[in-house]
Amino acid sequence: MEKIKQQAIDLLNKCEVLTLASINERGCPRPVVLSKIKTEGIDTIWFSTGTSSEKTKDFIKNPKAGVAFYEGHDSVTLTGTIEVVSDVEEKKALWVDWFYEHFPKGVDDPEYCILKFTAEQATYWIGNQFIKGKI
Protein backbone atom coordinates (compact mmCIF):
# COMPACT_ATOMS: atom_id res chain seq x y z
CA MET A 1 0.00 0.00 0.00
CA GLU A 2 2.82 2.43 0.83
CA LYS A 3 4.36 1.93 -2.64
CA ILE A 4 1.15 2.82 -4.49
CA LYS A 5 0.53 5.74 -2.11
CA GLN A 6 3.99 7.12 -2.97
CA GLN A 7 3.24 6.64 -6.67
CA ALA A 8 0.00 8.58 -6.15
CA ILE A 9 1.92 11.40 -4.45
CA ASP A 10 4.36 11.48 -7.38
CA LEU A 11 1.41 11.62 -9.79
CA LEU A 12 -0.20 14.46 -7.82
CA ASN A 13 3.06 16.41 -7.90
CA LYS A 14 3.12 16.12 -11.71
CA CYS A 15 -0.49 17.26 -12.16
CA GLU A 16 -1.06 21.00 -12.11
CA VAL A 17 -4.79 20.87 -12.81
CA LEU A 18 -7.20 18.72 -10.77
CA THR A 19 -10.94 18.18 -10.71
CA LEU A 20 -12.67 19.24 -7.49
CA ALA A 21 -16.30 18.29 -6.87
CA SER A 22 -18.74 19.85 -4.44
CA ILE A 23 -22.33 18.87 -3.70
CA ASN A 24 -24.76 21.53 -4.89
CA GLU A 25 -28.06 22.60 -3.31
CA ARG A 26 -29.93 19.90 -5.29
CA GLY A 27 -27.63 17.19 -3.89
CA CYS A 28 -25.83 16.69 -7.21
CA PRO A 29 -22.06 16.53 -7.62
CA ARG A 30 -20.62 19.67 -9.24
CA PRO A 31 -17.11 19.01 -10.63
CA VAL A 32 -14.86 21.91 -11.64
CA VAL A 33 -11.30 22.04 -12.90
CA LEU A 34 -8.83 24.01 -10.73
CA SER A 35 -5.11 24.48 -10.41
CA LYS A 36 -3.67 23.17 -7.16
CA ILE A 37 -1.52 25.62 -5.25
CA LYS A 38 0.01 23.39 -2.58
CA THR A 39 -0.04 19.78 -1.42
CA GLU A 40 1.07 17.79 1.60
CA GLY A 41 1.50 14.20 0.53
CA ILE A 42 -1.77 12.81 -0.77
CA ASP A 43 -3.66 13.94 2.33
CA THR A 44 -4.01 17.70 1.91
CA ILE A 45 -4.46 19.87 -1.18
CA TRP A 46 -5.02 23.64 -1.32
CA PHE A 47 -6.89 25.52 -4.04
CA SER A 48 -7.76 29.18 -4.52
CA THR A 49 -11.17 30.48 -5.54
CA GLY A 50 -13.60 33.33 -5.06
CA THR A 51 -15.67 33.78 -1.94
CA SER A 52 -18.79 34.24 -4.08
CA SER A 53 -18.19 31.20 -6.33
CA GLU A 54 -20.79 28.43 -6.47
CA LYS A 55 -18.30 25.90 -5.14
CA THR A 56 -17.46 28.05 -2.11
CA LYS A 57 -21.16 28.43 -1.35
CA ASP A 58 -21.60 24.67 -1.78
CA PHE A 59 -18.72 23.88 0.59
CA ILE A 60 -20.00 26.27 3.26
CA LYS A 61 -23.31 24.35 3.25
CA ASN A 62 -21.77 20.89 2.82
CA PRO A 63 -18.01 20.32 3.24
CA LYS A 64 -18.01 16.91 1.49
CA ALA A 65 -15.72 16.95 -1.53
CA GLY A 66 -14.03 14.83 -4.17
CA VAL A 67 -10.76 15.37 -6.01
CA ALA A 68 -9.56 13.51 -9.10
CA PHE A 69 -6.40 13.71 -11.18
CA TYR A 70 -4.68 11.60 -13.82
CA GLU A 71 -1.82 11.31 -16.23
CA GLY A 72 -1.66 8.73 -18.99
CA HIS A 73 -3.34 5.56 -17.74
CA ASP A 74 -2.89 6.31 -14.03
CA SER A 75 -5.50 8.06 -11.93
CA VAL A 76 -6.40 8.84 -8.34
CA THR A 77 -9.79 9.75 -6.89
CA LEU A 78 -10.00 11.11 -3.36
CA THR A 79 -12.99 11.84 -1.15
CA GLY A 80 -12.94 13.95 1.97
CA THR A 81 -13.83 17.41 3.18
CA ILE A 82 -13.15 21.04 2.31
CA GLU A 83 -12.46 23.86 4.73
CA VAL A 84 -13.00 27.39 3.40
CA VAL A 85 -9.96 29.24 4.75
CA SER A 86 -10.18 32.97 5.36
CA ASP A 87 -7.19 33.28 7.73
CA VAL A 88 -5.11 36.23 6.48
CA GLU A 89 -1.72 34.69 7.30
CA GLU A 90 -2.53 31.43 5.52
CA LYS A 91 -3.89 33.36 2.52
CA LYS A 92 -0.66 35.40 2.38
CA ALA A 93 1.47 32.26 2.61
CA LEU A 94 -0.39 30.65 -0.31
CA TRP A 95 -0.61 33.73 -2.55
CA VAL A 96 0.81 33.30 -6.07
CA ASP A 97 1.28 36.31 -8.35
CA TRP A 98 -0.86 34.87 -11.16
CA PHE A 99 -3.82 35.20 -8.76
CA TYR A 100 -3.88 38.93 -9.66
CA GLU A 101 -5.74 37.86 -12.84
CA HIS A 102 -8.64 36.77 -10.62
CA PHE A 103 -8.12 38.92 -7.53
CA PRO A 104 -6.85 42.34 -8.71
CA LYS A 105 -6.76 43.78 -5.17
CA GLY A 106 -4.18 41.16 -4.21
CA VAL A 107 -4.11 39.12 -1.06
CA ASP A 108 -6.51 41.58 0.62
CA ASP A 109 -9.12 41.18 -2.13
CA PRO A 110 -12.37 40.27 -0.32
CA GLU A 111 -13.12 37.81 -3.13
CA TYR A 112 -9.92 35.78 -2.48
CA CYS A 113 -10.18 32.65 -0.36
CA ILE A 114 -8.46 29.31 -0.01
CA LEU A 115 -10.04 25.86 -0.12
CA LYS A 116 -8.22 23.24 1.97
CA PHE A 117 -9.09 19.67 0.98
CA THR A 118 -8.41 16.89 3.48
CA ALA A 119 -8.60 13.38 2.03
CA GLU A 120 -10.23 10.51 3.91
CA GLN A 121 -10.59 7.81 1.22
CA ALA A 122 -8.64 7.04 -1.95
CA THR A 123 -9.15 5.00 -5.08
CA TYR A 124 -5.87 4.39 -6.91
CA TRP A 125 -5.54 3.08 -10.47
CA ILE A 126 -1.80 3.08 -10.98
CA GLY A 127 0.27 0.69 -13.08
CA ASN A 128 -2.83 -1.39 -13.86
CA GLN A 129 -3.35 -1.90 -10.13
CA PHE A 130 -6.67 -0.98 -8.49
CA ILE A 131 -6.57 -0.24 -4.76
CA LYS A 132 -9.21 1.42 -2.62
CA GLY A 133 -8.93 2.37 1.03
CA LYS A 134 -8.61 4.92 3.79
CA ILE A 135 -5.86 7.50 3.67
C-alpha atoms as a PDB file:
ATOM      1  CA  MET A   1       0.000   0.000   0.000  1.00  0.00           C
ATOM      2  CA  GLU A   2       2.820   2.427   0.827  1.00  0.00           C
ATOM      3  CA  LYS A   3       4.358   1.934  -2.639  1.00  0.00           C
ATOM      4  CA  ILE A   4       1.146   2.822  -4.489  1.00  0.00           C
ATOM      5  CA  LYS A   5       0.535   5.736  -2.108  1.00  0.00           C
ATOM      6  CA  GLN A   6       3.993   7.118  -2.970  1.00  0.00           C
ATOM      7  CA  GLN A   7       3.239   6.638  -6.674  1.00  0.00           C
ATOM      8  CA  ALA A   8      -0.001   8.583  -6.148  1.00  0.00           C
ATOM      9  CA  ILE A   9       1.921  11.404  -4.451  1.00  0.00           C
ATOM     10  CA  ASP A  10       4.363  11.480  -7.384  1.00  0.00           C
ATOM     11  CA  LEU A  11       1.410  11.620  -9.795  1.00  0.00           C
ATOM     12  CA  LEU A  12      -0.196  14.464  -7.815  1.00  0.00           C
ATOM     13  CA  ASN A  13       3.060  16.413  -7.896  1.00  0.00           C
ATOM     14  CA  LYS A  14       3.117  16.120 -11.714  1.00  0.00           C
ATOM     15  CA  CYS A  15      -0.488  17.259 -12.162  1.00  0.00           C
ATOM     16  CA  GLU A  16      -1.060  21.004 -12.113  1.00  0.00           C
ATOM     17  CA  VAL A  17      -4.792  20.866 -12.811  1.00  0.00           C
ATOM     18  CA  LEU A  18      -7.198  18.717 -10.772  1.00  0.00           C
ATOM     19  CA  THR A  19     -10.942  18.183 -10.711  1.00  0.00           C
ATOM     20  CA  LEU A  20     -12.673  19.244  -7.495  1.00  0.00           C
ATOM     21  CA  ALA A  21     -16.304  18.286  -6.869  1.00  0.00           C
ATOM     22  CA  SER A  22     -18.737  19.854  -4.439  1.00  0.00           C
ATOM     23  CA  ILE A  23     -22.326  18.868  -3.696  1.00  0.00           C
ATOM     24  CA  ASN A  24     -24.762  21.534  -4.890  1.00  0.00           C
ATOM     25  CA  GLU A  25     -28.059  22.602  -3.311  1.00  0.00           C
ATOM     26  CA  ARG A  26     -29.928  19.904  -5.294  1.00  0.00           C
ATOM     27  CA  GLY A  27     -27.633  17.189  -3.895  1.00  0.00           C
ATOM     28  CA  CYS A  28     -25.827  16.694  -7.212  1.00  0.00           C
ATOM     29  CA  PRO A  29     -22.059  16.531  -7.623  1.00  0.00           C
ATOM     30  CA  ARG A  30     -20.624  19.667  -9.242  1.00  0.00           C
ATOM     31  CA  PRO A  31     -17.115  19.013 -10.626  1.00  0.00           C
ATOM     32  CA  VAL A  32     -14.861  21.911 -11.636  1.00  0.00           C
ATOM     33  CA  VAL A  33     -11.302  22.043 -12.895  1.00  0.00           C
ATOM     34  CA  LEU A  34      -8.832  24.007 -10.734  1.00  0.00           C
ATOM     35  CA  SER A  35      -5.106  24.478 -10.407  1.00  0.00           C
ATOM     36  CA  LYS A  36      -3.674  23.166  -7.164  1.00  0.00           C
ATOM     37  CA  ILE A  37      -1.517  25.617  -5.254  1.00  0.00           C
ATOM     38  CA  LYS A  38       0.012  23.385  -2.577  1.00  0.00           C
ATOM     39  CA  THR A  39      -0.036  19.775  -1.423  1.00  0.00           C
ATOM     40  CA  GLU A  40       1.074  17.788   1.598  1.00  0.00           C
ATOM     41  CA  GLY A  41       1.499  14.195   0.528  1.00  0.00           C
ATOM     42  CA  ILE A  42      -1.772  12.807  -0.771  1.00  0.00           C
ATOM     43  CA  ASP A  43      -3.659  13.941   2.333  1.00  0.00           C
ATOM     44  CA  THR A  44      -4.008  17.705   1.911  1.00  0.00           C
ATOM     45  CA  ILE A  45      -4.465  19.868  -1.178  1.00  0.00           C
ATOM     46  CA  TRP A  46      -5.022  23.642  -1.320  1.00  0.00           C
ATOM     47  CA  PHE A  47      -6.890  25.521  -4.042  1.00  0.00           C
ATOM     48  CA  SER A  48      -7.760  29.176  -4.525  1.00  0.00           C
ATOM     49  CA  THR A  49     -11.172  30.481  -5.536  1.00  0.00           C
ATOM     50  CA  GLY A  50     -13.600  33.329  -5.063  1.00  0.00           C
ATOM     51  CA  THR A  51     -15.669  33.783  -1.938  1.00  0.00           C
ATOM     52  CA  SER A  52     -18.787  34.239  -4.076  1.00  0.00           C
ATOM     53  CA  SER A  53     -18.193  31.201  -6.331  1.00  0.00           C
ATOM     54  CA  GLU A  54     -20.789  28.431  -6.465  1.00  0.00           C
ATOM     55  CA  LYS A  55     -18.300  25.899  -5.143  1.00  0.00           C
ATOM     56  CA  THR A  56     -17.456  28.054  -2.114  1.00  0.00           C
ATOM     57  CA  LYS A  57     -21.164  28.432  -1.346  1.00  0.00           C
ATOM     58  CA  ASP A  58     -21.597  24.666  -1.783  1.00  0.00           C
ATOM     59  CA  PHE A  59     -18.719  23.878   0.586  1.00  0.00           C
ATOM     60  CA  ILE A  60     -19.998  26.267   3.260  1.00  0.00           C
ATOM     61  CA  LYS A  61     -23.306  24.351   3.251  1.00  0.00           C
ATOM     62  CA  ASN A  62     -21.770  20.889   2.818  1.00  0.00           C
ATOM     63  CA  PRO A  63     -18.010  20.318   3.241  1.00  0.00           C
ATOM     64  CA  LYS A  64     -18.008  16.913   1.493  1.00  0.00           C
ATOM     65  CA  ALA A  65     -15.717  16.954  -1.529  1.00  0.00           C
ATOM     66  CA  GLY A  66     -14.033  14.833  -4.170  1.00  0.00           C
ATOM     67  CA  VAL A  67     -10.757  15.367  -6.010  1.00  0.00           C
ATOM     68  CA  ALA A  68      -9.559  13.514  -9.104  1.00  0.00           C
ATOM     69  CA  PHE A  69      -6.395  13.706 -11.179  1.00  0.00           C
ATOM     70  CA  TYR A  70      -4.683  11.602 -13.815  1.00  0.00           C
ATOM     71  CA  GLU A  71      -1.816  11.306 -16.227  1.00  0.00           C
ATOM     72  CA  GLY A  72      -1.656   8.734 -18.991  1.00  0.00           C
ATOM     73  CA  HIS A  73      -3.342   5.565 -17.740  1.00  0.00           C
ATOM     74  CA  ASP A  74      -2.885   6.313 -14.034  1.00  0.00           C
ATOM     75  CA  SER A  75      -5.503   8.063 -11.930  1.00  0.00           C
ATOM     76  CA  VAL A  76      -6.403   8.843  -8.340  1.00  0.00           C
ATOM     77  CA  THR A  77      -9.789   9.754  -6.894  1.00  0.00           C
ATOM     78  CA  LEU A  78     -10.005  11.111  -3.357  1.00  0.00           C
ATOM     79  CA  THR A  79     -12.993  11.839  -1.149  1.00  0.00           C
ATOM     80  CA  GLY A  80     -12.938  13.951   1.968  1.00  0.00           C
ATOM     81  CA  THR A  81     -13.829  17.411   3.185  1.00  0.00           C
ATOM     82  CA  ILE A  82     -13.146  21.044   2.312  1.00  0.00           C
ATOM     83  CA  GLU A  83     -12.457  23.856   4.727  1.00  0.00           C
ATOM     84  CA  VAL A  84     -13.001  27.391   3.400  1.00  0.00           C
ATOM     85  CA  VAL A  85      -9.956  29.239   4.746  1.00  0.00           C
ATOM     86  CA  SER A  86     -10.179  32.965   5.355  1.00  0.00           C
ATOM     87  CA  ASP A  87      -7.191  33.283   7.726  1.00  0.00           C
ATOM     88  CA  VAL A  88      -5.109  36.232   6.477  1.00  0.00           C
ATOM     89  CA  GLU A  89      -1.723  34.694   7.296  1.00  0.00           C
ATOM     90  CA  GLU A  90      -2.533  31.432   5.520  1.00  0.00           C
ATOM     91  CA  LYS A  91      -3.889  33.356   2.521  1.00  0.00           C
ATOM     92  CA  LYS A  92      -0.663  35.400   2.377  1.00  0.00           C
ATOM     93  CA  ALA A  93       1.473  32.263   2.612  1.00  0.00           C
ATOM     94  CA  LEU A  94      -0.387  30.647  -0.307  1.00  0.00           C
ATOM     95  CA  TRP A  95      -0.606  33.732  -2.545  1.00  0.00           C
ATOM     96  CA  VAL A  96       0.806  33.304  -6.071  1.00  0.00           C
ATOM     97  CA  ASP A  97       1.277  36.313  -8.352  1.00  0.00           C
ATOM     98  CA  TRP A  98      -0.864  34.874 -11.156  1.00  0.00           C
ATOM     99  CA  PHE A  99      -3.818  35.205  -8.762  1.00  0.00           C
ATOM    100  CA  TYR A 100      -3.880  38.927  -9.660  1.00  0.00           C
ATOM    101  CA  GLU A 101      -5.741  37.860 -12.839  1.00  0.00           C
ATOM    102  CA  HIS A 102      -8.642  36.775 -10.617  1.00  0.00           C
ATOM    103  CA  PHE A 103      -8.123  38.922  -7.526  1.00  0.00           C
ATOM    104  CA  PRO A 104      -6.855  42.340  -8.713  1.00  0.00           C
ATOM    105  CA  LYS A 105      -6.759  43.779  -5.175  1.00  0.00           C
ATOM    106  CA  GLY A 106      -4.182  41.162  -4.211  1.00  0.00           C
ATOM    107  CA  VAL A 107      -4.112  39.119  -1.055  1.00  0.00           C
ATOM    108  CA  ASP A 108      -6.510  41.579   0.621  1.00  0.00           C
ATOM    109  CA  ASP A 109      -9.123  41.179  -2.134  1.00  0.00           C
ATOM    110  CA  PRO A 110     -12.371  40.267  -0.324  1.00  0.00           C
ATOM    111  CA  GLU A 111     -13.119  37.807  -3.127  1.00  0.00           C
ATOM    112  CA  TYR A 112      -9.923  35.777  -2.485  1.00  0.00           C
ATOM    113  CA  CYS A 113     -10.178  32.655  -0.360  1.00  0.00           C
ATOM    114  CA  ILE A 114      -8.463  29.312  -0.008  1.00  0.00           C
ATOM    115  CA  LEU A 115     -10.038  25.861  -0.115  1.00  0.00           C
ATOM    116  CA  LYS A 116      -8.225  23.243   1.970  1.00  0.00           C
ATOM    117  CA  PHE A 117      -9.090  19.675   0.984  1.00  0.00           C
ATOM    118  CA  THR A 118      -8.412  16.890   3.477  1.00  0.00           C
ATOM    119  CA  ALA A 119      -8.602  13.378   2.028  1.00  0.00           C
ATOM    120  CA  GLU A 120     -10.226  10.506   3.906  1.00  0.00           C
ATOM    121  CA  GLN A 121     -10.592   7.806   1.221  1.00  0.00           C
ATOM    122  CA  ALA A 122      -8.639   7.037  -1.947  1.00  0.00           C
ATOM    123  CA  THR A 123      -9.151   5.004  -5.084  1.00  0.00           C
ATOM    124  CA  TYR A 124      -5.874   4.392  -6.906  1.00  0.00           C
ATOM    125  CA  TRP A 125      -5.542   3.080 -10.468  1.00  0.00           C
ATOM    126  CA  ILE A 126      -1.802   3.078 -10.977  1.00  0.00           C
ATOM    127  CA  GLY A 127       0.270   0.691 -13.075  1.00  0.00           C
ATOM    128  CA  ASN A 128      -2.828  -1.385 -13.862  1.00  0.00           C
ATOM    129  CA  GLN A 129      -3.347  -1.902 -10.132  1.00  0.00           C
ATOM    130  CA  PHE A 130      -6.673  -0.982  -8.487  1.00  0.00           C
ATOM    131  CA  ILE A 131      -6.575  -0.245  -4.763  1.00  0.00           C
ATOM    132  CA  LYS A 132      -9.206   1.422  -2.618  1.00  0.00           C
ATOM    133  CA  GLY A 133      -8.934   2.369   1.030  1.00  0.00           C
ATOM    134  CA  LYS A 134      -8.606   4.922   3.795  1.00  0.00           C
ATOM    135  CA  ILE A 135      -5.860   7.500   3.672  1.00  0.00           C
END
